[in-house]
Amino acid sequence: MSRIGKMPVIIPDGVKVNIAGQDIGVEGVKGKLVREIHNLINVKIEDGKIVLGKNQESKLANSLYGLSRVLINNMVVGASKGYEKILQITGVGYRAQVAGKKLTVNLGYSHPIVYEAPEGITFEVPAPNQIKVMGIDKELVGQVAANVRKFRGPEPYKGKGIRYENEYVRRKAGKTGAGAK
């Protein structure tokens, strides 16, 4: 049995949870999220906690048990606190700026890259070489951050490109001066 699935999800103050069949809605100060849970998993609210159970014993039910609990917990945390990913830009002349819901990044290409934020995501640029991706859906925040990072991932020789905050990029040695004759 899943150790993660057994743990109840504590509902903090200011968060409302609605269960309608297999649809779970979580509403908090940051916004509202809705997700459908697989029919092998049952969800109940008991004593201000969300408790999950399995409808049958099977390999699929066991694998969905812990996953469903984590997804519901991510919804509760996102609705109450929100999520953010911070990206660092390294390189001479590389910079970012935001205008409304559009992120514009200059990464050494012949043109600036303009990225429109999807619904539920906001960008913030506290410094020209730093991008904050913020939202209430953890999955969407991570995917948008990965999409922005893909514009120019960190390269191993000079370390230029976009990387996550505190990401370690393994560096390689370059060419050695006057080669063999």
N, C-alpha and C. Protein backbone atom coordinates (compact mmCIF):
# COMPACT_ATOMS: atom_id res chain seq x y z
N MET A 1 0.84 -1.18 0.00
CA MET A 1 0.00 0.00 0.00
C MET A 1 0.89 1.25 0.00
N SER A 2 0.44 2.29 -0.65
CA SER A 2 1.23 3.50 -0.78
C SER A 2 1.28 4.27 0.53
N ARG A 3 2.49 4.61 0.95
CA ARG A 3 2.63 5.41 2.16
C ARG A 3 2.17 6.84 1.92
N ILE A 4 2.40 7.33 0.71
CA ILE A 4 1.98 8.69 0.38
C ILE A 4 0.46 8.76 0.29
N GLY A 5 -0.17 7.77 -0.34
CA GLY A 5 -1.62 7.76 -0.49
C GLY A 5 -2.36 7.71 0.83
N LYS A 6 -1.77 7.07 1.84
CA LYS A 6 -2.42 6.95 3.14
C LYS A 6 -2.49 8.27 3.89
N MET A 7 -1.54 9.16 3.64
CA MET A 7 -1.50 10.43 4.37
C MET A 7 -2.66 11.33 3.94
N PRO A 8 -3.39 11.91 4.89
CA PRO A 8 -4.47 12.82 4.50
C PRO A 8 -3.91 14.18 4.06
N VAL A 9 -4.68 14.86 3.22
CA VAL A 9 -4.32 16.21 2.78
C VAL A 9 -5.04 17.19 3.70
N ILE A 10 -4.29 18.00 4.42
CA ILE A 10 -4.87 18.95 5.36
C ILE A 10 -5.35 20.18 4.59
N ILE A 11 -6.58 20.59 4.83
CA ILE A 11 -7.15 21.75 4.15
C ILE A 11 -6.87 22.98 5.01
N PRO A 12 -6.06 23.94 4.52
CA PRO A 12 -5.76 25.13 5.31
C PRO A 12 -6.95 26.10 5.35
N ASP A 13 -6.87 27.09 6.25
CA ASP A 13 -7.93 28.10 6.34
C ASP A 13 -7.99 28.89 5.05
N GLY A 14 -9.20 29.24 4.63
CA GLY A 14 -9.37 30.03 3.42
C GLY A 14 -9.45 29.20 2.15
N VAL A 15 -9.41 27.88 2.26
CA VAL A 15 -9.49 27.01 1.08
C VAL A 15 -10.78 26.19 1.18
N LYS A 16 -11.55 26.19 0.09
CA LYS A 16 -12.79 25.40 0.02
C LYS A 16 -12.58 24.26 -0.96
N VAL A 17 -13.02 23.07 -0.58
CA VAL A 17 -12.90 21.89 -1.43
C VAL A 17 -14.30 21.37 -1.73
N ASN A 18 -14.59 21.17 -3.01
CA ASN A 18 -15.87 20.63 -3.43
C ASN A 18 -15.63 19.31 -4.15
N ILE A 19 -16.36 18.27 -3.75
CA ILE A 19 -16.24 16.98 -4.40
C ILE A 19 -17.60 16.66 -5.03
N ALA A 20 -17.60 16.50 -6.36
CA ALA A 20 -18.81 16.15 -7.09
C ALA A 20 -18.49 14.93 -7.95
N GLY A 21 -18.81 13.75 -7.43
CA GLY A 21 -18.46 12.53 -8.16
C GLY A 21 -16.96 12.35 -8.15
N GLN A 22 -16.35 12.30 -9.33
CA GLN A 22 -14.89 12.16 -9.43
C GLN A 22 -14.20 13.51 -9.69
N ASP A 23 -14.98 14.60 -9.77
CA ASP A 23 -14.40 15.93 -9.96
C ASP A 23 -14.13 16.57 -8.61
N ILE A 24 -12.92 17.10 -8.46
CA ILE A 24 -12.53 17.77 -7.22
C ILE A 24 -12.20 19.22 -7.56
N GLY A 25 -12.87 20.14 -6.88
CA GLY A 25 -12.62 21.56 -7.07
C GLY A 25 -12.02 22.15 -5.82
N VAL A 26 -10.96 22.92 -5.98
CA VAL A 26 -10.30 23.56 -4.86
C VAL A 26 -10.27 25.06 -5.14
N GLU A 27 -10.80 25.84 -4.19
CA GLU A 27 -10.85 27.29 -4.36
C GLU A 27 -10.18 27.95 -3.17
N GLY A 28 -9.23 28.85 -3.47
CA GLY A 28 -8.51 29.55 -2.41
C GLY A 28 -8.29 31.00 -2.77
N VAL A 29 -7.42 31.67 -2.04
CA VAL A 29 -7.17 33.09 -2.26
C VAL A 29 -6.49 33.35 -3.62
N LYS A 30 -5.70 32.39 -4.10
CA LYS A 30 -4.99 32.57 -5.37
C LYS A 30 -5.83 32.24 -6.59
N GLY A 31 -6.86 31.40 -6.43
CA GLY A 31 -7.70 31.04 -7.57
C GLY A 31 -8.40 29.72 -7.37
N LYS A 32 -8.89 29.16 -8.49
CA LYS A 32 -9.68 27.94 -8.44
C LYS A 32 -9.10 26.92 -9.41
N LEU A 33 -9.03 25.66 -8.96
CA LEU A 33 -8.55 24.55 -9.78
C LEU A 33 -9.56 23.41 -9.72
N VAL A 34 -9.73 22.73 -10.86
CA VAL A 34 -10.62 21.58 -10.92
C VAL A 34 -9.87 20.44 -11.61
N ARG A 35 -10.01 19.23 -11.08
CA ARG A 35 -9.34 18.06 -11.67
C ARG A 35 -10.25 16.85 -11.49
N GLU A 36 -10.22 15.97 -12.48
CA GLU A 36 -10.98 14.73 -12.40
C GLU A 36 -10.05 13.63 -11.92
N ILE A 37 -10.50 12.89 -10.91
CA ILE A 37 -9.72 11.80 -10.34
C ILE A 37 -10.26 10.48 -10.91
N HIS A 38 -9.38 9.54 -11.14
CA HIS A 38 -9.74 8.24 -11.73
C HIS A 38 -10.79 7.54 -10.87
N ASN A 39 -11.66 6.75 -11.49
CA ASN A 39 -12.76 6.14 -10.74
C ASN A 39 -12.32 4.98 -9.85
N LEU A 40 -11.07 4.55 -9.91
CA LEU A 40 -10.56 3.54 -8.97
C LEU A 40 -10.23 4.14 -7.61
N ILE A 41 -10.22 5.46 -7.51
CA ILE A 41 -9.88 6.16 -6.26
C ILE A 41 -11.13 6.88 -5.75
N ASN A 42 -11.43 6.72 -4.46
CA ASN A 42 -12.53 7.49 -3.88
C ASN A 42 -11.96 8.55 -2.94
N VAL A 43 -12.64 9.68 -2.90
CA VAL A 43 -12.16 10.84 -2.14
C VAL A 43 -13.26 11.28 -1.18
N LYS A 44 -12.88 11.52 0.08
CA LYS A 44 -13.83 11.98 1.10
C LYS A 44 -13.19 13.11 1.90
N ILE A 45 -14.03 13.96 2.47
CA ILE A 45 -13.56 15.00 3.39
C ILE A 45 -13.98 14.59 4.79
N GLU A 46 -12.99 14.46 5.69
CA GLU A 46 -13.25 14.09 7.08
C GLU A 46 -12.44 14.99 8.01
N ASP A 47 -13.09 15.69 8.89
CA ASP A 47 -12.43 16.52 9.92
C ASP A 47 -11.47 17.55 9.31
N GLY A 48 -11.86 18.22 8.24
CA GLY A 48 -11.00 19.22 7.63
C GLY A 48 -9.81 18.64 6.89
N LYS A 49 -9.89 17.36 6.53
CA LYS A 49 -8.82 16.69 5.80
C LYS A 49 -9.43 15.94 4.62
N ILE A 50 -8.66 15.83 3.55
CA ILE A 50 -9.08 15.04 2.40
C ILE A 50 -8.44 13.67 2.54
N VAL A 51 -9.28 12.62 2.53
CA VAL A 51 -8.81 11.26 2.71
C VAL A 51 -9.12 10.48 1.43
N LEU A 52 -8.12 9.73 0.96
CA LEU A 52 -8.29 8.94 -0.25
C LEU A 52 -8.34 7.46 0.09
N GLY A 53 -9.03 6.70 -0.76
CA GLY A 53 -9.10 5.26 -0.62
C GLY A 53 -9.17 4.62 -1.99
N LYS A 54 -8.94 3.31 -2.03
CA LYS A 54 -9.01 2.58 -3.30
C LYS A 54 -10.33 1.82 -3.36
N ASN A 55 -10.94 1.78 -4.55
CA ASN A 55 -12.19 1.04 -4.73
C ASN A 55 -11.94 -0.45 -4.93
N GLN A 56 -10.75 -0.80 -5.40
CA GLN A 56 -10.41 -2.22 -5.60
C GLN A 56 -8.90 -2.38 -5.48
N GLU A 57 -8.46 -3.60 -5.26
CA GLU A 57 -7.03 -3.90 -5.18
C GLU A 57 -6.55 -4.34 -6.57
N SER A 58 -5.76 -3.50 -7.18
CA SER A 58 -5.14 -3.85 -8.47
C SER A 58 -3.86 -3.04 -8.61
N LYS A 59 -3.07 -3.44 -9.58
CA LYS A 59 -1.81 -2.74 -9.80
C LYS A 59 -2.06 -1.29 -10.22
N LEU A 60 -3.06 -1.06 -11.08
CA LEU A 60 -3.40 0.29 -11.52
C LEU A 60 -3.90 1.13 -10.35
N ALA A 61 -4.76 0.55 -9.50
CA ALA A 61 -5.28 1.30 -8.35
C ALA A 61 -4.15 1.67 -7.40
N ASN A 62 -3.20 0.75 -7.20
CA ASN A 62 -2.06 1.06 -6.33
C ASN A 62 -1.23 2.20 -6.89
N SER A 63 -1.02 2.23 -8.21
CA SER A 63 -0.20 3.28 -8.80
C SER A 63 -0.93 4.63 -8.81
N LEU A 64 -2.25 4.60 -8.91
CA LEU A 64 -3.02 5.86 -8.92
C LEU A 64 -3.27 6.42 -7.52
N TYR A 65 -3.13 5.59 -6.51
CA TYR A 65 -3.44 5.98 -5.13
C TYR A 65 -2.55 7.12 -4.65
N GLY A 66 -1.25 6.92 -4.69
CA GLY A 66 -0.31 7.96 -4.26
C GLY A 66 -0.31 9.16 -5.21
N LEU A 67 -0.42 8.88 -6.51
CA LEU A 67 -0.44 9.97 -7.50
C LEU A 67 -1.61 10.91 -7.26
N SER A 68 -2.79 10.35 -7.02
CA SER A 68 -3.99 11.17 -6.81
C SER A 68 -3.84 12.04 -5.57
N ARG A 69 -3.25 11.48 -4.51
CA ARG A 69 -3.05 12.26 -3.29
C ARG A 69 -2.11 13.43 -3.53
N VAL A 70 -1.03 13.20 -4.28
CA VAL A 70 -0.07 14.26 -4.56
C VAL A 70 -0.70 15.33 -5.45
N LEU A 71 -1.49 14.93 -6.45
CA LEU A 71 -2.16 15.91 -7.31
C LEU A 71 -3.13 16.78 -6.53
N ILE A 72 -3.89 16.17 -5.62
CA ILE A 72 -4.83 16.94 -4.80
C ILE A 72 -4.08 17.88 -3.86
N ASN A 73 -2.99 17.40 -3.27
CA ASN A 73 -2.18 18.25 -2.39
C ASN A 73 -1.61 19.43 -3.17
N ASN A 74 -1.15 19.21 -4.41
CA ASN A 74 -0.63 20.30 -5.23
C ASN A 74 -1.72 21.32 -5.54
N MET A 75 -2.95 20.86 -5.72
CA MET A 75 -4.06 21.79 -5.95
C MET A 75 -4.32 22.65 -4.72
N VAL A 76 -4.30 22.03 -3.54
CA VAL A 76 -4.56 22.76 -2.29
C VAL A 76 -3.46 23.79 -2.03
N VAL A 77 -2.21 23.38 -2.21
CA VAL A 77 -1.09 24.31 -1.99
C VAL A 77 -1.12 25.43 -3.03
N GLY A 78 -1.41 25.11 -4.28
CA GLY A 78 -1.47 26.12 -5.34
C GLY A 78 -2.57 27.13 -5.10
N ALA A 79 -3.74 26.69 -4.65
CA ALA A 79 -4.85 27.60 -4.41
C ALA A 79 -4.60 28.49 -3.20
N SER A 80 -3.80 28.02 -2.24
CA SER A 80 -3.55 28.83 -1.04
C SER A 80 -2.29 29.68 -1.16
N LYS A 81 -1.20 29.12 -1.70
CA LYS A 81 0.08 29.85 -1.75
C LYS A 81 0.55 30.17 -3.16
N GLY A 82 0.30 29.27 -4.10
CA GLY A 82 0.79 29.45 -5.47
C GLY A 82 2.19 28.86 -5.63
N TYR A 83 2.63 28.76 -6.87
CA TYR A 83 3.93 28.20 -7.19
C TYR A 83 4.72 29.18 -8.04
N GLU A 84 6.04 29.08 -7.96
CA GLU A 84 6.90 29.89 -8.83
C GLU A 84 8.17 29.14 -9.15
N LYS A 85 8.67 29.36 -10.35
CA LYS A 85 9.97 28.83 -10.79
C LYS A 85 10.79 30.04 -11.21
N ILE A 86 12.05 30.04 -10.83
CA ILE A 86 12.94 31.15 -11.17
C ILE A 86 13.97 30.64 -12.17
N LEU A 87 14.11 31.37 -13.27
CA LEU A 87 15.07 31.05 -14.32
C LEU A 87 16.15 32.12 -14.35
N GLN A 88 17.40 31.70 -14.49
CA GLN A 88 18.54 32.61 -14.59
C GLN A 88 19.01 32.64 -16.05
N ILE A 89 19.34 33.81 -16.54
CA ILE A 89 19.88 33.96 -17.89
C ILE A 89 21.34 34.34 -17.77
N THR A 90 22.22 33.57 -18.42
CA THR A 90 23.65 33.82 -18.38
C THR A 90 24.15 34.04 -19.79
N GLY A 91 24.87 35.12 -20.01
CA GLY A 91 25.44 35.40 -21.32
C GLY A 91 25.47 36.91 -21.58
N VAL A 92 26.47 37.35 -22.30
CA VAL A 92 26.62 38.77 -22.61
C VAL A 92 25.52 39.18 -23.59
N GLY A 93 24.74 40.19 -23.23
CA GLY A 93 23.67 40.68 -24.09
C GLY A 93 22.38 39.90 -23.98
N TYR A 94 22.35 38.83 -23.20
CA TYR A 94 21.14 38.06 -23.01
C TYR A 94 20.31 38.75 -21.93
N ARG A 95 19.04 39.00 -22.22
CA ARG A 95 18.19 39.67 -21.24
C ARG A 95 16.72 39.37 -21.51
N ALA A 96 15.89 39.68 -20.54
CA ALA A 96 14.45 39.45 -20.65
C ALA A 96 13.71 40.69 -20.20
N GLN A 97 12.51 40.84 -20.74
CA GLN A 97 11.62 41.91 -20.31
C GLN A 97 10.19 41.43 -20.50
N VAL A 98 9.30 41.99 -19.71
CA VAL A 98 7.91 41.58 -19.77
C VAL A 98 7.04 42.80 -20.05
N ALA A 99 6.05 42.62 -20.92
CA ALA A 99 5.08 43.67 -21.22
C ALA A 99 3.70 43.01 -21.24
N GLY A 100 2.91 43.27 -20.21
CA GLY A 100 1.61 42.64 -20.10
C GLY A 100 1.77 41.15 -19.84
N LYS A 101 1.21 40.31 -20.74
CA LYS A 101 1.34 38.86 -20.60
C LYS A 101 2.39 38.30 -21.54
N LYS A 102 3.17 39.17 -22.18
CA LYS A 102 4.18 38.72 -23.13
C LYS A 102 5.58 38.86 -22.55
N LEU A 103 6.34 37.78 -22.65
CA LEU A 103 7.74 37.76 -22.23
C LEU A 103 8.60 37.88 -23.48
N THR A 104 9.51 38.83 -23.51
CA THR A 104 10.43 39.00 -24.63
C THR A 104 11.83 38.73 -24.13
N VAL A 105 12.52 37.79 -24.79
CA VAL A 105 13.88 37.45 -24.40
C VAL A 105 14.82 37.63 -25.60
N ASN A 106 15.96 38.24 -25.34
CA ASN A 106 17.02 38.37 -26.33
C ASN A 106 18.12 37.39 -25.94
N LEU A 107 18.37 36.42 -26.82
CA LEU A 107 19.30 35.35 -26.48
C LEU A 107 20.39 35.16 -27.52
N GLY A 108 20.77 36.22 -28.21
CA GLY A 108 21.85 36.12 -29.17
C GLY A 108 21.41 35.69 -30.56
N TYR A 109 20.12 35.47 -30.75
CA TYR A 109 19.62 35.15 -32.08
C TYR A 109 19.45 36.46 -32.86
N SER A 110 19.12 36.35 -34.13
CA SER A 110 18.95 37.55 -34.96
C SER A 110 17.66 38.29 -34.63
N HIS A 111 16.81 37.71 -33.80
CA HIS A 111 15.53 38.30 -33.46
C HIS A 111 15.21 38.01 -31.99
N PRO A 112 14.45 38.89 -31.34
CA PRO A 112 14.01 38.58 -29.99
C PRO A 112 12.89 37.54 -30.02
N ILE A 113 12.80 36.72 -28.99
CA ILE A 113 11.76 35.70 -28.89
C ILE A 113 10.66 36.24 -27.99
N VAL A 114 9.42 36.22 -28.50
CA VAL A 114 8.27 36.69 -27.75
C VAL A 114 7.42 35.48 -27.38
N TYR A 115 7.14 35.32 -26.09
CA TYR A 115 6.38 34.18 -25.58
C TYR A 115 5.14 34.69 -24.87
N GLU A 116 3.98 34.28 -25.33
CA GLU A 116 2.70 34.66 -24.73
C GLU A 116 2.40 33.72 -23.56
N ALA A 117 2.11 34.28 -22.40
CA ALA A 117 1.82 33.47 -21.22
C ALA A 117 0.46 32.81 -21.37
N PRO A 118 0.37 31.50 -21.11
CA PRO A 118 -0.94 30.84 -21.14
C PRO A 118 -1.82 31.32 -19.98
N GLU A 119 -3.09 30.98 -20.05
CA GLU A 119 -4.04 31.38 -19.00
C GLU A 119 -3.60 30.81 -17.66
N GLY A 120 -3.54 31.66 -16.63
CA GLY A 120 -3.17 31.20 -15.29
C GLY A 120 -1.69 31.36 -14.97
N ILE A 121 -0.90 31.88 -15.90
CA ILE A 121 0.54 32.07 -15.68
C ILE A 121 0.87 33.56 -15.80
N THR A 122 1.71 34.04 -14.88
CA THR A 122 2.22 35.40 -14.97
C THR A 122 3.74 35.37 -14.92
N PHE A 123 4.33 36.30 -15.65
CA PHE A 123 5.78 36.45 -15.67
C PHE A 123 6.16 37.69 -14.88
N GLU A 124 7.32 37.62 -14.24
CA GLU A 124 7.88 38.78 -13.55
C GLU A 124 9.37 38.76 -13.85
N VAL A 125 9.93 39.95 -14.14
CA VAL A 125 11.36 40.06 -14.42
C VAL A 125 11.96 41.03 -13.40
N PRO A 126 12.42 40.51 -12.23
CA PRO A 126 12.99 41.39 -11.22
C PRO A 126 14.33 41.99 -11.64
N ALA A 127 15.07 41.30 -12.50
CA ALA A 127 16.34 41.79 -13.04
C ALA A 127 16.38 41.36 -14.50
N PRO A 128 17.16 42.04 -15.35
CA PRO A 128 17.19 41.66 -16.77
C PRO A 128 17.66 40.24 -17.03
N ASN A 129 18.36 39.63 -16.06
CA ASN A 129 18.84 38.27 -16.27
C ASN A 129 18.12 37.25 -15.39
N GLN A 130 16.88 37.56 -14.99
CA GLN A 130 16.12 36.66 -14.13
C GLN A 130 14.65 36.71 -14.54
N ILE A 131 14.02 35.52 -14.61
CA ILE A 131 12.60 35.41 -14.97
C ILE A 131 11.91 34.60 -13.89
N LYS A 132 10.77 35.11 -13.40
CA LYS A 132 9.94 34.37 -12.45
C LYS A 132 8.68 33.93 -13.19
N VAL A 133 8.42 32.64 -13.16
CA VAL A 133 7.19 32.09 -13.73
C VAL A 133 6.30 31.73 -12.55
N MET A 134 5.10 32.36 -12.47
CA MET A 134 4.23 32.17 -11.32
C MET A 134 2.84 31.74 -11.75
N GLY A 135 2.20 30.93 -10.91
CA GLY A 135 0.84 30.47 -11.17
C GLY A 135 0.36 29.57 -10.05
N ILE A 136 -0.88 29.07 -10.17
CA ILE A 136 -1.43 28.22 -9.12
C ILE A 136 -1.37 26.74 -9.48
N ASP A 137 -1.18 26.42 -10.76
CA ASP A 137 -1.11 25.03 -11.20
C ASP A 137 0.35 24.62 -11.31
N LYS A 138 0.81 23.74 -10.43
CA LYS A 138 2.22 23.34 -10.38
C LYS A 138 2.68 22.74 -11.70
N GLU A 139 1.84 21.92 -12.30
CA GLU A 139 2.18 21.26 -13.57
C GLU A 139 2.37 22.29 -14.68
N LEU A 140 1.49 23.27 -14.75
CA LEU A 140 1.57 24.29 -15.80
C LEU A 140 2.77 25.22 -15.58
N VAL A 141 3.06 25.58 -14.33
CA VAL A 141 4.22 26.43 -14.04
C VAL A 141 5.51 25.73 -14.47
N GLY A 142 5.63 24.45 -14.15
CA GLY A 142 6.82 23.70 -14.54
C GLY A 142 6.95 23.56 -16.05
N GLN A 143 5.82 23.35 -16.75
CA GLN A 143 5.86 23.19 -18.20
C GLN A 143 6.23 24.50 -18.90
N VAL A 144 5.68 25.61 -18.43
CA VAL A 144 6.01 26.91 -19.03
C VAL A 144 7.48 27.26 -18.78
N ALA A 145 7.97 26.98 -17.57
CA ALA A 145 9.38 27.23 -17.28
C ALA A 145 10.28 26.37 -18.18
N ALA A 146 9.89 25.13 -18.42
CA ALA A 146 10.66 24.26 -19.31
C ALA A 146 10.61 24.77 -20.75
N ASN A 147 9.46 25.29 -21.18
CA ASN A 147 9.36 25.84 -22.53
C ASN A 147 10.25 27.06 -22.71
N VAL A 148 10.30 27.94 -21.71
CA VAL A 148 11.16 29.13 -21.78
C VAL A 148 12.62 28.70 -21.77
N ARG A 149 12.96 27.72 -20.95
CA ARG A 149 14.35 27.23 -20.86
C ARG A 149 14.80 26.63 -22.20
N LYS A 150 13.87 26.05 -22.94
CA LYS A 150 14.21 25.42 -24.22
C LYS A 150 14.65 26.42 -25.29
N PHE A 151 14.32 27.70 -25.12
CA PHE A 151 14.73 28.71 -26.11
C PHE A 151 16.23 28.69 -26.30
N ARG A 152 16.97 28.56 -25.21
CA ARG A 152 18.42 28.39 -25.26
C ARG A 152 18.85 27.77 -23.94
N GLY A 153 18.98 26.47 -23.93
CA GLY A 153 19.41 25.75 -22.74
C GLY A 153 20.86 26.05 -22.42
N PRO A 154 21.30 25.79 -21.21
CA PRO A 154 22.69 26.10 -20.86
C PRO A 154 23.66 25.19 -21.61
N GLU A 155 24.69 25.79 -22.17
CA GLU A 155 25.69 24.99 -22.90
C GLU A 155 26.89 24.75 -22.00
N PRO A 156 27.61 23.64 -22.20
CA PRO A 156 28.62 23.21 -21.23
C PRO A 156 29.97 23.91 -21.32
N TYR A 157 30.25 24.69 -22.36
CA TYR A 157 31.58 25.29 -22.51
C TYR A 157 31.70 26.64 -21.81
N LYS A 158 30.77 27.54 -22.06
CA LYS A 158 30.82 28.84 -21.38
C LYS A 158 29.70 29.00 -20.37
N GLY A 159 28.73 28.09 -20.37
CA GLY A 159 27.63 28.16 -19.43
C GLY A 159 26.54 29.14 -19.83
N LYS A 160 26.57 29.60 -21.09
CA LYS A 160 25.58 30.58 -21.54
C LYS A 160 24.24 29.91 -21.78
N GLY A 161 23.16 30.66 -21.58
CA GLY A 161 21.82 30.16 -21.82
C GLY A 161 20.91 30.40 -20.64
N ILE A 162 19.76 29.72 -20.66
CA ILE A 162 18.77 29.85 -19.59
C ILE A 162 18.80 28.58 -18.75
N ARG A 163 18.88 28.75 -17.43
CA ARG A 163 18.89 27.60 -16.52
C ARG A 163 17.97 27.90 -15.35
N TYR A 164 17.56 26.84 -14.66
CA TYR A 164 16.79 27.02 -13.44
C TYR A 164 17.69 27.59 -12.36
N GLU A 165 17.09 28.27 -11.40
CA GLU A 165 17.86 28.78 -10.27
C GLU A 165 18.44 27.59 -9.50
N ASN A 166 19.69 27.67 -9.13
CA ASN A 166 20.42 26.62 -8.42
C ASN A 166 20.63 25.35 -9.23
N GLU A 167 20.47 25.41 -10.56
CA GLU A 167 20.76 24.26 -11.40
C GLU A 167 22.26 24.20 -11.64
N TYR A 168 22.82 23.02 -11.52
CA TYR A 168 24.24 22.84 -11.75
C TYR A 168 24.45 22.43 -13.20
N VAL A 169 25.31 23.16 -13.92
CA VAL A 169 25.64 22.84 -15.29
C VAL A 169 27.09 22.37 -15.31
N ARG A 170 27.28 21.13 -15.70
CA ARG A 170 28.63 20.57 -15.73
C ARG A 170 29.41 21.20 -16.86
N ARG A 171 30.55 21.75 -16.55
CA ARG A 171 31.34 22.46 -17.54
C ARG A 171 32.39 21.53 -18.15
N LYS A 172 32.68 21.76 -19.43
CA LYS A 172 33.68 20.97 -20.15
C LYS A 172 34.87 21.86 -20.45
N ALA A 173 36.04 21.25 -20.62
CA ALA A 173 37.24 22.00 -21.02
C ALA A 173 37.13 22.28 -22.51
N GLY A 174 37.59 23.42 -22.93
CA GLY A 174 37.56 23.77 -24.35
C GLY A 174 38.77 23.20 -25.09
N LYS A 175 39.02 23.77 -26.24
CA LYS A 175 40.18 23.32 -27.02
C LYS A 175 41.47 23.72 -26.32
N THR A 176 42.51 22.94 -26.55
CA THR A 176 43.81 23.29 -26.01
C THR A 176 44.60 24.03 -27.08
N GLY A 177 45.15 25.14 -26.82
CA GLY A 177 45.89 26.03 -27.71
C GLY A 177 46.42 25.52 -29.04
N ALA A 178 47.76 25.40 -29.21
CA ALA A 178 48.38 25.10 -30.49
C ALA A 178 48.39 23.60 -30.71
N GLY A 179 47.47 23.05 -31.46
CA GLY A 179 47.29 21.62 -31.67
C GLY A 179 48.52 20.89 -32.18
N ALA A 180 48.40 19.61 -32.38
CA ALA A 180 49.50 18.75 -32.84
C ALA A 180 49.81 19.01 -34.30
N LYS A 181 51.10 18.79 -34.70
CA LYS A 181 51.49 19.03 -36.08
C LYS A 181 51.53 17.79 -36.89
